[in-house]
C-alpha atoms as a PDB file:
ATOM      1  CA  MET A   1      89.031  89.913  81.715  1.00  0.00           C
ATOM      2  CA  LEU A   2      89.666  93.553  81.838  1.00  0.00           C
ATOM      3  CA  VAL A   3      88.296  93.681  85.406  1.00  0.00           C
ATOM      4  CA  GLU A   4      90.279  91.043  86.514  1.00  0.00           C
ATOM      5  CA  ASN A   5      93.668  92.574  85.012  1.00  0.00           C
ATOM      6  CA  LEU A   6      92.579  96.056  86.414  1.00  0.00           C
ATOM      7  CA  ALA A   7      92.118  94.594  89.984  1.00  0.00           C
ATOM      8  CA  VAL A   8      95.726  92.959  89.730  1.00  0.00           C
ATOM      9  CA  LEU A   9      96.870  96.383  88.780  1.00  0.00           C
ATOM     10  CA  VAL A  10      95.392  98.465  91.553  1.00  0.00           C
ATOM     11  CA  LEU A  11      96.351  95.331  94.103  1.00  0.00           C
ATOM     12  CA  ALA A  12      99.895  95.412  92.680  1.00  0.00           C
ATOM     13  CA  GLY A  13      99.965  99.393  93.114  1.00  0.00           C
ATOM     14  CA  PHE A  14      99.061  99.432  96.787  1.00  0.00           C
ATOM     15  CA  VAL A  15     101.461  96.535  97.718  1.00  0.00           C
ATOM     16  CA  GLY A  16     104.235  98.218  95.697  1.00  0.00           C
ATOM     17  CA  PHE A  17     103.701 101.254  97.857  1.00  0.00           C
ATOM     18  CA  ALA A  18     103.229  99.666 100.877  1.00  0.00           C
ATOM     19  CA  VAL A  19     106.652  97.942 100.049  1.00  0.00           C
ATOM     20  CA  ILE A  20     108.370 100.863  98.817  1.00  0.00           C
ATOM     21  CA  SER A  21     107.400 103.200 101.795  1.00  0.00           C
ATOM     22  CA  LYS A  22     109.116 100.799 104.484  1.00  0.00           C
ATOM     23  CA  VAL A  23     112.437 100.932 102.877  1.00  0.00           C
ATOM     24  CA  PRO A  24     114.860 102.571 104.818  1.00  0.00           C
ATOM     25  CA  ASN A  25     117.490 105.649 103.167  1.00  0.00           C
ATOM     26  CA  THR A  26     120.389 103.320 103.314  1.00  0.00           C
ATOM     27  CA  LEU A  27     119.100 101.245 100.791  1.00  0.00           C
ATOM     28  CA  HIS A  28     117.493 103.551  98.491  1.00  0.00           C
ATOM     29  CA  THR A  29     120.593 103.136  96.169  1.00  0.00           C
ATOM     30  CA  PRO A  30     120.364  99.590  95.838  1.00  0.00           C
ATOM     31  CA  LEU A  31     116.604  99.199  95.507  1.00  0.00           C
ATOM     32  CA  MET A  32     117.514 102.078  92.708  1.00  0.00           C
ATOM     33  CA  SER A  33     119.994  99.565  90.816  1.00  0.00           C
ATOM     34  CA  GLY A  34     117.397  96.852  91.293  1.00  0.00           C
ATOM     35  CA  THR A  35     114.348  98.855  89.913  1.00  0.00           C
ATOM     36  CA  ASN A  36     116.803 100.014  87.058  1.00  0.00           C
ATOM     37  CA  ALA A  37     117.443  96.269  85.907  1.00  0.00           C
ATOM     38  CA  ILE A  38     113.640  96.045  85.705  1.00  0.00           C
ATOM     39  CA  HIS A  39     112.560  98.452  83.862  1.00  0.00           C
ATOM     40  CA  GLY A  40     115.569  97.543  81.488  1.00  0.00           C
ATOM     41  CA  ILE A  41     113.894  94.036  81.194  1.00  0.00           C
ATOM     42  CA  VAL A  42     110.494  96.152  80.289  1.00  0.00           C
ATOM     43  CA  LEU A  43     112.176  98.291  77.970  1.00  0.00           C
ATOM     44  CA  LEU A  44     113.721  95.480  76.236  1.00  0.00           C
ATOM     45  CA  GLY A  45     110.689  93.549  76.107  1.00  0.00           C
ATOM     46  CA  GLY A  46     108.881  96.095  74.646  1.00  0.00           C
ATOM     47  CA  LEU A  47     111.232  96.474  71.728  1.00  0.00           C
ATOM     48  CA  ILE A  48     111.293  93.096  70.947  1.00  0.00           C
ATOM     49  CA  VAL A  49     107.546  92.569  70.896  1.00  0.00           C
ATOM     50  CA  ALA A  50     107.382  96.096  68.948  1.00  0.00           C
ATOM     51  CA  GLY A  51     109.846  94.491  66.365  1.00  0.00           C
ATOM     52  CA  LEU A  52     107.879  91.224  66.241  1.00  0.00           C
ATOM     53  CA  GLY A  53     104.840  93.309  65.049  1.00  0.00           C
ATOM     54  CA  ALA A  54     102.235  94.164  67.516  1.00  0.00           C
ATOM     55  CA  GLU A  55      98.635  93.455  66.153  1.00  0.00           C
ATOM     56  CA  GLY A  56      96.123  96.212  66.588  1.00  0.00           C
ATOM     57  CA  VAL A  57      95.911  99.754  67.786  1.00  0.00           C
ATOM     58  CA  LEU A  58      95.707  99.288  71.308  1.00  0.00           C
ATOM     59  CA  ASP A  59      98.653  96.874  71.772  1.00  0.00           C
ATOM     60  CA  LYS A  60     100.653  99.081  69.616  1.00  0.00           C
ATOM     61  CA  VAL A  61      99.613 102.477  72.208  1.00  0.00           C
ATOM     62  CA  LEU A  62     100.389 100.006  75.218  1.00  0.00           C
ATOM     63  CA  LEU A  63     103.825  99.404  73.736  1.00  0.00           C
ATOM     64  CA  VAL A  64     104.714 103.062  73.181  1.00  0.00           C
ATOM     65  CA  ILE A  65     103.172 103.805  76.560  1.00  0.00           C
ATOM     66  CA  ALA A  66     105.505 100.839  78.158  1.00  0.00           C
ATOM     67  CA  ILE A  67     108.710 101.638  76.329  1.00  0.00           C
ATOM     68  CA  ALA A  68     108.314 105.530  77.063  1.00  0.00           C
ATOM     69  CA  PHE A  69     107.876 104.943  80.784  1.00  0.00           C
ATOM     70  CA  GLY A  70     110.898 102.394  80.913  1.00  0.00           C
ATOM     71  CA  THR A  71     112.823 104.562  79.149  1.00  0.00           C
ATOM     72  CA  ILE A  72     112.141 107.668  81.730  1.00  0.00           C
ATOM     73  CA  ASN A  73     112.577 105.249  84.607  1.00  0.00           C
ATOM     74  CA  VAL A  74     115.789 103.832  83.129  1.00  0.00           C
ATOM     75  CA  ILE A  75     117.144 107.264  82.878  1.00  0.00           C
ATOM     76  CA  GLY A  76     116.037 109.000  85.861  1.00  0.00           C
ATOM     77  CA  GLY A  77     116.924 106.027  88.100  1.00  0.00           C
ATOM     78  CA  PHE A  78     120.482 106.200  86.825  1.00  0.00           C
ATOM     79  CA  LEU A  79     120.585 110.111  87.153  1.00  0.00           C
ATOM     80  CA  VAL A  80     119.292 109.859  90.817  1.00  0.00           C
ATOM     81  CA  THR A  81     122.204 106.624  91.792  1.00  0.00           C
ATOM     82  CA  ASP A  82     124.740 109.161  90.109  1.00  0.00           C
ATOM     83  CA  ARG A  83     123.867 111.724  92.274  1.00  0.00           C
ATOM     84  CA  MET A  84     123.303 109.638  95.255  1.00  0.00           C
ATOM     85  CA  LEU A  85     126.805 108.125  94.608  1.00  0.00           C
ATOM     86  CA  GLY A  86     128.367 111.590  94.066  1.00  0.00           C
ATOM     87  CA  MET A  87     127.526 112.468  97.717  1.00  0.00           C
ATOM     88  CA  PHE A  88     129.842 109.955  98.999  1.00  0.00           C
ATOM     89  CA  LYS A  89     133.029 111.016  96.799  1.00  0.00           C
ATOM     90  CA  ASN A  90     135.895 112.723  98.577  1.00  0.00           C
ATOM     91  CA  GLY A  91     136.307 116.229  97.186  1.00  0.00           C
ATOM     92  CA  PRO A  92     136.972 119.764  98.639  1.00  0.00           C
ATOM     93  CA  LYS A  93     134.601 120.949 101.843  1.00  0.00           C
ATOM     94  CA  ARG A  94     132.130 123.062 101.024  1.00  0.00           C
ATOM     95  CA  ASP A  95     133.537 126.111 103.029  1.00  0.00           C
ATOM     96  CA  GLY A  96     136.398 126.277 100.325  1.00  0.00           C
ATOM     97  CA  SER A  97     139.133 124.883 102.681  1.00  0.00           C
ATOM     98  CA  ALA A  98     140.663 122.097 100.603  1.00  0.00           C
ATOM     99  CA  LYS A  99     141.884 119.163 102.668  1.00  0.00           C
END
């Protein structure tokens, strides 16, 4: 069972890398918004399972790791998306001349 789960994890990593590496730059912001939603679901699921009471030390450690990584991905994704959207806002030119 453990070997099968590890095989699925490794294959999912390869497939994810192959898919993400082929995404054009213009779709990066919508893709980040989608992954923020997915990681939000992971985070919510981890919190629900933690609240219901995880059994065993390994389950608790994996929950803490999932919640930590989900939180990092959600916060980082929102920061990156906000920064990219900020590049499209109208503002003064960089050379100091206002338009």
